[in-house]
Amino acid sequence: MNWSVFISHSTKDGKIAKELCSYLERNGKKCFIAPRDIQGGREYAGEILKGIENSETMVLLLSANSNESPHVLREVERAVSKSIPIIIYKLEDVELSKSMEYFLMAHQWMDAKKTGDFENVLKVVNGITNPNLTDDSNAKTKEVENNNTSNVKSNNKKIIAAIAVLLFSVAVIGSFLLFINNNDNGNVAAENQTSDEKHTSEDNRTLEENQTSGENNTSEENQPSVTVEVGDIVKLGTYNDEKIEWMVLRLSEDGKEAVLISKNILSMKPYDVAESGRFNYDKDGNSYVEDPRVDENQELQIQVRGNSDWSVSNIRTWLNSSQEFVKYQDQAPDNSAIAEKVNGYVHEPGFLYGFGKEEMAAIKEVENTTPGNASSGKDFIVTKDKVYLLSLDELQWFEDAGMSILAKPTQAAIDRDGTTWYEDDMEIFLVTAHYWWLREPVKEASGRCYIVGNGNPKYPDQLIYDKDVGLEGFGIRPAITVYVDKLADIQD
């Protein structure tokens, strides 16, 4: 599909972005806006890139939120590299980051006089997407920043001519930037002549994208020896005889630490199992299948369904063990204690068993704070973990990174799954993603945890569910925090 406008915005400015989208579409301009136009089951980042490339122009809602968003910056970079004109609709006065300033210095600016004042945006969009359209009422639109102080007139021909010049400049800048980014060896001289000043990259140094006004801001001081970016793929450790692929989900401010999450669901496992040793039965053999008493009695819930307390869960023990034979604190995850009596992992080596010495050294033990469940007696429980599942709040990291929370299982995970849950959903609903566990318990229960959904089109607005922890057909998608400078020697 071709779009008139791609609306780039921070999720924190979502309300005004939706208002702008509605206004433009009421006036005949088809807009791409996330997350509305992200197709279910598709990779979030890939859908964003397609949306930008298939749009005639981009409207950037500039605020302190979007200025600090790496997600928005990547969208702007993509538009520049594809020579797509950018209209900057400034919501508030903000000092641009160096990277954002570099990309926006040659584009159309306008101030938002008040929320919902979108008429001037539409007029400039019309000038770009429909140059034959004339409008005598197309009055002044104020440009600010970077000496762009001329008013936008109703003469659309002049607008198009100006844009053509700007696009040529942007193309030159974009080509230069891409050349620098692809220079892996760091010792190819690159020249960019601006304001009669020459910037030359030196051997073994990377020219920062943040250079402006003829200044080379390159600094190697306090930088890690290897760098990664959000969205990069890192290979670390082995599971099911395959090297594990991790996605960089989040970076520390100094770039020295990174949160990684497995690109795919690695296994189907229960979070915990019935303490009685038999799912839906107590130790005396009494059945509690679909028995409402289980919901009312928290201790009984743990006995017949499993414990949702992250700190004592089977899945936390397994994820953080590097031993061939894992010792569990209470009832081990044996098939007899699991709902469908499959996918037990009592005899499986710990998850970290497939990691070498250098790989283990790259993983940081972090302090996680997780809500307690109804039986823990605590609002929050603090644990120290090398490997962990995400919490509900940490799902925000996906949105900040511009990445989809949906995930597919590996083929090995599918092959080793004793249930048919994944195949059934794929056959019936044509979805390729699958559910995966979070570490966060349902506060009012003792045996239920939250899971991420699979993008099922039958429930398009629901991505978070809660399930009994003893159910074994849901995915495990672990996360780790790593020291970035220790990744250099262990990558292929």
Protein backbone atom coordinates (compact mmCIF):
# COMPACT_ATOMS: atom_id res chain seq x y z
CA MET A 1 0.00 0.00 0.00
CA ASN A 2 1.12 3.55 -0.75
CA TRP A 3 0.69 6.20 1.91
CA SER A 4 0.54 9.97 1.71
CA VAL A 5 2.02 10.56 5.15
CA PHE A 6 4.08 8.59 7.66
CA ILE A 7 3.49 10.05 11.13
CA SER A 8 6.62 9.73 13.26
CA HIS A 9 6.03 10.27 16.96
CA SER A 10 6.87 9.16 20.46
CA THR A 11 4.27 6.87 22.01
CA LYS A 12 4.03 9.46 24.80
CA ASP A 13 2.63 11.88 22.21
CA GLY A 14 0.19 9.27 20.90
CA LYS A 15 -2.94 11.33 21.56
CA ILE A 16 -1.97 14.28 19.35
CA ALA A 17 -0.53 11.89 16.74
CA LYS A 18 -3.91 10.17 16.45
CA GLU A 19 -5.66 13.55 16.21
CA LEU A 20 -3.34 14.60 13.38
CA CYS A 21 -3.87 11.28 11.63
CA SER A 22 -7.67 11.65 11.83
CA TYR A 23 -7.52 15.22 10.52
CA LEU A 24 -5.32 14.33 7.55
CA GLU A 25 -7.38 11.28 6.65
CA ARG A 26 -10.61 13.27 6.83
CA ASN A 27 -8.99 15.51 4.23
CA GLY A 28 -8.05 12.69 1.89
CA LYS A 29 -4.50 11.88 3.05
CA LYS A 30 -3.93 8.22 3.87
CA CYS A 31 -1.59 7.98 6.85
CA PHE A 32 0.68 5.30 8.26
CA ILE A 33 0.70 5.44 12.05
CA ALA A 34 1.99 2.84 14.49
CA PRO A 35 0.80 0.68 16.04
CA ARG A 36 -2.46 0.87 14.04
CA ASP A 37 -0.89 -0.04 10.71
CA ILE A 38 1.43 -2.80 11.96
CA GLN A 39 0.03 -6.02 10.57
CA GLY A 40 -0.50 -8.73 13.17
CA GLY A 41 2.23 -11.37 13.27
CA ARG A 42 4.67 -9.23 11.30
CA GLU A 43 8.01 -7.93 12.58
CA TYR A 44 7.41 -4.44 14.01
CA ALA A 45 10.65 -2.92 12.71
CA GLY A 46 10.16 -4.34 9.22
CA GLU A 47 6.63 -2.97 9.01
CA ILE A 48 7.88 0.48 10.10
CA LEU A 49 10.54 0.50 7.38
CA LYS A 50 8.01 -0.49 4.72
CA GLY A 51 5.66 2.21 5.95
CA ILE A 52 8.34 4.88 5.59
CA GLU A 53 9.53 3.68 2.18
CA ASN A 54 5.98 3.59 0.81
CA SER A 55 5.08 7.09 2.03
CA GLU A 56 5.33 10.31 0.06
CA THR A 57 6.28 12.39 3.08
CA MET A 58 6.93 12.15 6.82
CA VAL A 59 5.43 14.39 9.50
CA LEU A 60 7.56 14.35 12.63
CA LEU A 61 5.87 15.43 15.87
CA LEU A 62 8.85 17.00 17.58
CA SER A 63 8.84 17.08 21.36
CA ALA A 64 11.19 16.31 24.22
CA ASN A 65 9.83 12.76 24.06
CA SER A 66 10.52 12.20 20.36
CA ASN A 67 13.86 14.02 20.56
CA GLU A 68 15.06 11.41 23.06
CA SER A 69 13.52 8.40 21.33
CA PRO A 70 15.97 6.11 19.47
CA HIS A 71 12.93 4.68 17.70
CA VAL A 72 12.01 8.09 16.23
CA LEU A 73 15.64 8.83 15.33
CA ARG A 74 15.85 5.61 13.29
CA GLU A 75 12.65 6.58 11.46
CA VAL A 76 14.09 9.98 10.60
CA GLU A 77 17.36 8.39 9.45
CA ARG A 78 15.41 6.03 7.18
CA ALA A 79 13.40 8.87 5.64
CA VAL A 80 16.58 10.83 4.94
CA SER A 81 18.30 7.82 3.36
CA LYS A 82 15.26 7.28 1.09
CA SER A 83 15.04 11.00 0.17
CA ILE A 84 11.58 11.32 1.69
CA PRO A 85 10.74 14.94 2.64
CA ILE A 86 10.20 15.55 6.35
CA ILE A 87 7.82 18.11 7.82
CA ILE A 88 8.73 18.93 11.43
CA TYR A 89 5.68 19.87 13.49
CA LYS A 90 7.16 21.27 16.69
CA LEU A 91 4.98 20.64 19.73
CA GLU A 92 7.30 22.38 22.17
CA ASP A 93 10.63 24.16 22.34
CA VAL A 94 13.35 21.56 22.63
CA GLU A 95 17.12 21.53 22.18
CA LEU A 96 17.76 18.91 19.54
CA SER A 97 20.11 16.06 20.20
CA LYS A 98 23.18 16.26 17.97
CA SER A 99 22.04 13.28 15.88
CA MET A 100 18.55 14.68 15.42
CA GLU A 101 19.91 18.14 14.55
CA TYR A 102 22.17 16.63 11.89
CA PHE A 103 19.24 15.00 10.09
CA LEU A 104 16.72 17.80 10.47
CA MET A 105 18.81 20.83 9.60
CA ALA A 106 17.47 21.04 6.04
CA HIS A 107 13.79 20.30 6.43
CA GLN A 108 10.47 22.14 6.75
CA TRP A 109 9.65 23.41 10.26
CA MET A 110 6.44 24.74 11.76
CA ASP A 111 5.21 25.53 15.27
CA ALA A 112 2.11 24.02 16.79
CA LYS A 113 0.04 26.99 17.96
CA LYS A 114 -2.31 24.71 19.83
CA THR A 115 -3.31 21.05 19.90
CA GLY A 116 -5.38 20.23 16.83
CA ASP A 117 -4.05 23.11 14.72
CA PHE A 118 -3.23 20.97 11.71
CA GLU A 119 -4.36 23.13 8.77
CA ASN A 120 -0.86 24.27 7.85
CA VAL A 121 0.42 20.69 7.99
CA LEU A 122 -2.23 19.66 5.49
CA LYS A 123 -1.33 22.55 3.16
CA VAL A 124 2.35 21.60 3.06
CA VAL A 125 1.47 17.91 2.65
CA ASN A 126 -0.77 18.88 -0.27
CA GLY A 127 2.11 20.80 -1.82
CA ILE A 128 4.27 17.68 -1.69
CA THR A 129 1.75 14.95 -2.50
CA ASN A 130 -0.40 16.91 -4.97
CA PRO A 131 1.57 19.73 -6.60
CA ASN A 132 -1.31 20.50 -8.98
CA LEU A 133 -3.58 21.38 -6.10
CA THR A 134 -3.90 25.14 -5.51
CA ASP A 135 -5.37 26.84 -2.49
CA ASP A 136 -5.59 30.62 -2.35
CA SER A 137 -6.15 30.39 1.37
CA ASN A 138 -2.83 28.66 1.87
CA ALA A 139 -1.35 31.34 4.11
CA LYS A 140 1.72 31.57 6.23
CA THR A 141 3.33 28.62 7.93
CA LYS A 142 6.20 29.68 10.09
CA GLU A 143 9.62 28.07 9.74
CA VAL A 144 12.04 28.13 12.64
CA GLU A 145 15.50 26.83 13.49
CA ASN A 146 18.58 26.58 11.29
CA ASN A 147 17.93 29.98 9.67
CA ASN A 148 14.75 28.67 7.93
CA THR A 149 12.74 31.81 8.61
CA SER A 150 10.80 32.32 5.38
CA ASN A 151 7.04 31.90 5.38
CA VAL A 152 5.34 29.10 3.45
CA LYS A 153 3.32 30.73 0.65
CA SER A 154 0.42 29.37 -1.28
CA ASN A 155 2.61 29.05 -4.35
CA ASN A 156 3.02 25.27 -4.43
CA LYS A 157 5.45 25.37 -7.30
CA LYS A 158 7.92 27.25 -5.14
CA ILE A 159 7.49 24.68 -2.37
CA ILE A 160 8.20 21.80 -4.72
CA ALA A 161 11.26 23.53 -6.17
CA ALA A 162 12.62 24.18 -2.68
CA ILE A 163 11.99 20.60 -1.67
CA ALA A 164 13.81 19.32 -4.73
CA VAL A 165 16.90 21.28 -3.70
CA LEU A 166 16.62 20.04 -0.12
CA LEU A 167 16.20 16.43 -1.22
CA PHE A 168 19.33 16.68 -3.32
CA SER A 169 21.24 17.92 -0.26
CA VAL A 170 19.71 15.21 1.92
CA ALA A 171 20.66 12.54 -0.60
CA VAL A 172 24.27 13.69 -0.50
CA ILE A 173 24.29 13.73 3.31
CA GLY A 174 22.51 10.36 3.49
CA SER A 175 24.98 8.75 1.08
CA PHE A 176 27.89 10.10 3.10
CA LEU A 177 26.40 8.80 6.37
CA LEU A 178 25.71 5.34 4.96
CA PHE A 179 29.27 5.19 3.63
CA ILE A 180 30.65 5.94 7.09
CA ASN A 181 28.36 3.41 8.79
CA ASN A 182 29.38 0.65 6.41
CA ASN A 183 33.09 1.29 6.84
CA ASP A 184 33.75 -1.66 9.18
CA ASN A 185 37.51 -1.30 9.22
CA GLY A 186 37.37 2.31 10.28
CA ASN A 187 40.37 3.35 8.20
CA VAL A 188 38.83 4.56 4.93
CA ALA A 189 39.16 8.33 4.54
CA ALA A 190 35.78 10.07 4.10
CA GLU A 191 35.37 13.68 3.11
CA ASN A 192 32.40 15.95 3.53
CA GLN A 193 32.96 19.58 2.53
CA THR A 194 30.64 21.98 4.42
CA SER A 195 31.16 25.69 5.04
CA ASP A 196 34.66 25.41 3.48
CA GLU A 197 35.81 23.14 6.33
CA LYS A 198 37.05 19.60 5.67
CA HIS A 199 36.32 16.67 8.00
CA THR A 200 38.63 13.69 7.49
CA SER A 201 38.22 10.40 9.37
CA GLU A 202 41.44 9.02 10.90
CA ASP A 203 42.70 5.44 10.99
CA ASN A 204 40.92 3.16 13.47
CA ARG A 205 38.49 5.89 14.53
CA THR A 206 34.78 6.23 13.81
CA LEU A 207 33.39 9.58 12.72
CA GLU A 208 30.37 10.26 14.93
CA GLU A 209 27.05 10.90 13.28
CA ASN A 210 26.62 13.81 15.66
CA GLN A 211 29.08 16.12 13.84
CA THR A 212 27.60 19.56 13.15
CA SER A 213 28.87 23.04 12.19
CA GLY A 214 32.23 21.70 10.96
CA GLU A 215 33.16 20.11 14.31
CA ASN A 216 34.45 16.55 14.66
CA ASN A 217 33.04 15.32 17.95
CA THR A 218 34.72 11.91 17.81
CA SER A 219 35.86 10.75 21.23
CA GLU A 220 37.13 7.32 22.17
CA GLU A 221 37.38 8.18 25.84
CA ASN A 222 35.26 5.96 28.12
CA GLN A 223 33.87 4.02 25.15
CA PRO A 224 33.66 0.19 25.09
CA SER A 225 35.99 -1.61 22.70
CA VAL A 226 33.02 -2.98 20.76
CA THR A 227 29.70 -1.29 20.16
CA VAL A 228 26.22 -2.66 19.55
CA GLU A 229 22.97 -0.93 18.69
CA VAL A 230 19.38 -1.64 19.61
CA GLY A 231 18.04 -4.24 17.19
CA ASP A 232 21.41 -5.88 16.52
CA ILE A 233 21.68 -9.68 16.65
CA VAL A 234 24.24 -11.21 19.02
CA LYS A 235 25.10 -14.91 19.19
CA LEU A 236 25.78 -16.19 22.67
CA GLY A 237 25.50 -19.67 24.17
CA THR A 238 24.00 -22.86 22.77
CA TYR A 239 20.63 -24.50 23.30
CA ASN A 240 19.13 -27.53 21.55
CA ASP A 241 22.47 -27.89 19.74
CA GLU A 242 22.01 -24.48 18.09
CA LYS A 243 23.75 -21.17 18.71
CA ILE A 244 21.29 -18.82 20.44
CA GLU A 245 20.46 -15.59 18.62
CA TRP A 246 19.75 -12.63 20.88
CA MET A 247 18.35 -9.21 19.97
CA VAL A 248 19.71 -6.07 21.62
CA LEU A 249 16.63 -4.71 23.35
CA ARG A 250 18.08 -1.92 25.48
CA LEU A 251 21.38 -0.12 26.07
CA SER A 252 22.69 1.65 29.15
CA GLU A 253 23.32 5.38 28.76
CA ASP A 254 27.09 4.85 28.55
CA GLY A 255 26.72 1.98 26.06
CA LYS A 256 28.64 -0.40 28.31
CA GLU A 257 25.76 -2.74 29.15
CA ALA A 258 23.00 -4.17 26.99
CA VAL A 259 19.80 -6.08 27.69
CA LEU A 260 19.43 -8.96 25.23
CA ILE A 261 16.34 -11.06 24.64
CA SER A 262 16.26 -14.23 22.61
CA LYS A 263 15.15 -13.52 19.06
CA ASN A 264 12.91 -16.58 19.11
CA ILE A 265 11.07 -18.64 21.68
CA LEU A 266 13.58 -21.32 22.63
CA SER A 267 11.40 -23.89 24.36
CA MET A 268 7.87 -24.73 25.51
CA LYS A 269 7.80 -25.25 29.28
CA PRO A 270 5.59 -24.74 32.33
CA TYR A 271 6.59 -21.85 34.60
CA ASP A 272 6.14 -24.06 37.66
CA VAL A 273 4.36 -27.32 38.52
CA ALA A 274 1.82 -28.60 41.03
CA GLU A 275 3.44 -29.04 44.45
CA SER A 276 1.28 -32.11 45.04
CA GLY A 277 3.12 -33.84 42.20
CA ARG A 278 -0.05 -34.15 40.13
CA PHE A 279 -1.72 -31.26 38.28
CA ASN A 280 -5.30 -30.55 39.50
CA TYR A 281 -5.05 -33.14 42.29
CA ASP A 282 -4.04 -32.71 45.91
CA LYS A 283 -1.72 -35.05 47.79
CA ASP A 284 -4.67 -37.16 48.88
CA GLY A 285 -5.75 -37.75 45.30
CA ASN A 286 -8.79 -35.45 45.38
CA SER A 287 -9.59 -33.86 42.02
CA TYR A 288 -9.88 -30.10 41.54
CA VAL A 289 -10.50 -30.00 37.80
CA GLU A 290 -12.48 -26.81 37.12
CA ASP A 291 -13.17 -26.51 40.84
CA PRO A 292 -13.87 -22.91 41.98
CA ARG A 293 -12.37 -23.67 45.39
CA VAL A 294 -8.94 -23.46 43.78
CA ASP A 295 -9.49 -19.77 43.02
CA GLU A 296 -10.48 -19.04 46.62
CA ASN A 297 -7.79 -21.03 48.44
CA GLN A 298 -4.31 -19.72 47.59
CA GLU A 299 -2.37 -22.56 49.23
CA LEU A 300 -4.54 -25.11 47.46
CA GLN A 301 -3.86 -23.28 44.20
CA ILE A 302 -0.12 -23.78 44.66
CA GLN A 303 -0.60 -27.43 45.55
CA VAL A 304 -2.66 -28.34 42.49
CA ARG A 305 -1.58 -25.76 39.86
CA GLY A 306 1.92 -24.51 40.78
CA ASN A 307 3.53 -21.45 42.36
CA SER A 308 3.71 -18.14 40.46
CA ASP A 309 6.34 -16.65 42.82
CA TRP A 310 9.30 -15.91 40.51
CA SER A 311 11.86 -16.32 43.28
CA VAL A 312 11.02 -20.01 43.90
CA SER A 313 9.72 -21.00 40.47
CA ASN A 314 11.04 -24.01 38.55
CA ILE A 315 11.69 -21.87 35.49
CA ARG A 316 13.93 -19.40 37.36
CA THR A 317 15.93 -22.28 38.84
CA TRP A 318 16.39 -23.87 35.42
CA LEU A 319 17.28 -20.65 33.61
CA ASN A 320 19.97 -19.73 36.13
CA SER A 321 21.58 -23.15 36.42
CA SER A 322 24.78 -24.12 34.58
CA GLN A 323 24.72 -27.67 35.97
CA GLU A 324 24.06 -30.83 34.02
CA PHE A 325 21.78 -32.04 36.82
CA VAL A 326 19.63 -29.22 38.20
CA LYS A 327 18.57 -29.26 41.84
CA TYR A 328 15.09 -27.81 42.38
CA GLN A 329 13.89 -26.28 45.66
CA ASP A 330 10.54 -28.08 45.81
CA GLN A 331 8.53 -30.24 43.41
CA ALA A 332 10.69 -30.79 40.32
CA PRO A 333 9.20 -30.17 36.85
CA ASP A 334 8.39 -33.80 36.17
CA ASN A 335 5.71 -34.74 33.63
CA SER A 336 3.43 -36.13 36.34
CA ALA A 337 3.07 -32.65 37.90
CA ILE A 338 2.27 -30.87 34.61
CA ALA A 339 -1.16 -30.27 33.02
CA GLU A 340 -0.85 -32.50 29.94
CA LYS A 341 2.04 -34.52 31.36
CA VAL A 342 4.48 -33.46 28.63
CA ASN A 343 7.38 -30.99 28.31
CA GLY A 344 8.81 -31.83 31.73
CA TYR A 345 12.42 -30.75 32.20
CA VAL A 346 13.51 -32.38 35.42
CA HIS A 347 16.28 -34.29 33.59
CA GLU A 348 17.32 -31.46 31.28
CA PRO A 349 20.63 -29.65 31.95
CA GLY A 350 20.32 -26.07 33.15
CA PHE A 351 19.93 -23.39 30.51
CA LEU A 352 23.43 -22.00 31.15
CA TYR A 353 24.98 -25.43 30.67
CA GLY A 354 25.43 -24.54 26.99
CA PHE A 355 27.51 -21.42 27.70
CA GLY A 356 31.31 -21.33 27.65
CA LYS A 357 33.53 -19.66 30.24
CA GLU A 358 33.97 -16.43 28.25
CA GLU A 359 30.25 -16.31 27.48
CA MET A 360 29.38 -16.68 31.16
CA ALA A 361 31.81 -13.87 32.01
CA ALA A 362 29.97 -11.58 29.58
CA ILE A 363 26.67 -11.98 31.46
CA LYS A 364 25.99 -9.61 34.33
CA GLU A 365 24.07 -10.77 37.37
CA VAL A 366 21.29 -8.22 37.82
CA GLU A 367 18.96 -7.37 40.66
CA ASN A 368 15.35 -7.83 39.58
CA THR A 369 12.32 -6.52 41.43
CA THR A 370 9.18 -8.56 40.79
CA PRO A 371 5.68 -8.18 42.28
CA GLY A 372 4.81 -10.83 44.85
CA ASN A 373 1.82 -13.12 44.41
CA ALA A 374 -1.13 -13.59 46.76
CA SER A 375 0.77 -16.06 48.97
CA SER A 376 4.17 -14.40 49.17
CA GLY A 377 3.12 -11.77 51.70
CA LYS A 378 5.26 -9.18 49.91
CA ASP A 379 4.42 -6.42 47.48
CA PHE A 380 7.75 -6.93 45.73
CA ILE A 381 10.46 -9.58 45.79
CA VAL A 382 14.09 -8.86 44.88
CA THR A 383 16.18 -11.56 43.19
CA LYS A 384 19.63 -11.72 41.66
CA ASP A 385 19.49 -13.32 38.23
CA LYS A 386 21.85 -14.02 35.38
CA VAL A 387 18.94 -15.09 33.19
CA TYR A 388 15.39 -13.87 33.64
CA LEU A 389 12.00 -13.44 32.03
CA LEU A 390 10.66 -9.94 31.46
CA SER A 391 8.05 -8.22 33.61
CA LEU A 392 4.99 -6.34 32.39
CA ASP A 393 6.71 -2.97 32.82
CA GLU A 394 9.78 -4.14 30.91
CA LEU A 395 7.67 -4.79 27.83
CA GLN A 396 7.89 -1.01 27.34
CA TRP A 397 11.46 -1.62 26.20
CA PHE A 398 10.10 -3.15 22.98
CA GLU A 399 8.09 -0.04 22.22
CA ASP A 400 11.04 2.21 23.04
CA ALA A 401 13.20 0.16 20.69
CA GLY A 402 10.59 0.05 17.90
CA MET A 403 10.50 -3.74 18.07
CA SER A 404 7.55 -6.13 18.04
CA ILE A 405 6.89 -8.16 21.18
CA LEU A 406 5.64 -11.04 19.03
CA ALA A 407 8.01 -13.98 18.68
CA LYS A 408 8.16 -17.23 16.76
CA PRO A 409 9.46 -20.49 18.24
CA THR A 410 12.58 -22.08 16.80
CA GLN A 411 12.08 -25.24 14.80
CA ALA A 412 13.81 -27.18 17.57
CA ALA A 413 11.29 -25.80 20.09
CA ILE A 414 8.43 -26.88 17.84
CA ASP A 415 9.91 -30.33 17.29
CA ARG A 416 10.40 -30.93 21.04
CA ASP A 417 6.99 -29.63 22.09
CA GLY A 418 4.71 -32.43 23.25
CA THR A 419 1.56 -30.33 22.95
CA THR A 420 -0.19 -29.30 19.74
CA TRP A 421 -1.01 -25.77 20.88
CA TYR A 422 1.31 -23.97 18.49
CA GLU A 423 0.39 -26.09 15.46
CA ASP A 424 -3.33 -25.71 16.23
CA ASP A 425 -3.20 -21.92 16.34
CA MET A 426 -1.04 -21.78 13.23
CA GLU A 427 -3.48 -24.01 11.33
CA ILE A 428 -6.68 -22.35 12.54
CA PHE A 429 -5.65 -18.69 12.74
CA LEU A 430 -2.63 -18.67 10.38
CA VAL A 431 -0.37 -17.11 13.03
CA THR A 432 3.34 -17.91 13.18
CA ALA A 433 4.07 -16.21 16.50
CA HIS A 434 3.43 -17.94 19.82
CA TYR A 435 2.68 -17.15 23.46
CA TRP A 436 5.57 -16.64 25.90
CA TRP A 437 5.83 -16.37 29.66
CA LEU A 438 6.56 -13.23 31.66
CA ARG A 439 7.97 -13.57 35.18
CA GLU A 440 5.23 -11.42 36.68
CA PRO A 441 2.49 -13.15 38.71
CA VAL A 442 -1.15 -12.13 38.82
CA LYS A 443 -1.24 -10.31 42.16
CA GLU A 444 -4.60 -11.70 43.28
CA ALA A 445 -3.58 -15.30 42.59
CA SER A 446 -0.84 -17.71 43.65
CA GLY A 447 -0.72 -19.95 40.60
CA ARG A 448 -1.19 -17.65 37.62
CA CYS A 449 1.29 -15.57 35.62
CA TYR A 450 1.07 -13.19 32.67
CA ILE A 451 2.00 -14.24 29.16
CA VAL A 452 2.49 -12.35 25.89
CA GLY A 453 0.02 -13.27 23.16
CA ASN A 454 0.58 -14.41 19.58
CA GLY A 455 -1.22 -11.67 17.63
CA ASN A 456 -4.27 -13.85 17.07
CA PRO A 457 -6.51 -11.92 14.63
CA LYS A 458 -9.56 -13.14 16.57
CA TYR A 459 -8.41 -10.94 19.48
CA PRO A 460 -6.58 -8.07 17.73
CA ASP A 461 -6.49 -5.78 20.76
CA GLN A 462 -5.33 -8.35 23.29
CA LEU A 463 -1.63 -9.12 23.64
CA ILE A 464 -1.41 -9.92 27.37
CA TYR A 465 -3.13 -12.87 29.03
CA ASP A 466 -2.81 -14.68 32.36
CA LYS A 467 -2.59 -18.46 32.67
CA ASP A 468 -2.03 -21.24 35.21
CA VAL A 469 1.72 -21.68 35.66
CA GLY A 470 1.50 -25.47 35.27
CA LEU A 471 0.49 -25.24 31.62
CA GLU A 472 3.32 -26.49 29.45
CA GLY A 473 2.58 -25.32 25.90
CA PHE A 474 3.73 -21.70 26.32
CA GLY A 475 7.13 -20.41 25.30
CA ILE A 476 10.29 -19.49 27.16
CA ARG A 477 11.98 -16.34 25.84
CA PRO A 478 14.85 -15.54 28.21
CA ALA A 479 16.60 -12.21 28.70
CA ILE A 480 20.12 -11.43 29.90
CA THR A 481 22.18 -8.31 30.63
CA VAL A 482 25.68 -8.34 29.17
CA TYR A 483 28.89 -6.34 29.37
CA VAL A 484 29.27 -4.97 25.84
CA ASP A 485 33.08 -4.88 25.85
CA LYS A 486 33.20 -8.62 26.61
CA LEU A 487 31.25 -9.53 23.49
CA ALA A 488 34.07 -8.80 21.05
CA ASP A 489 35.99 -12.04 21.58
CA ILE A 490 32.99 -14.35 21.53
CA GLN A 491 31.21 -13.26 18.35
CA ASP A 492 31.61 -15.12 15.05
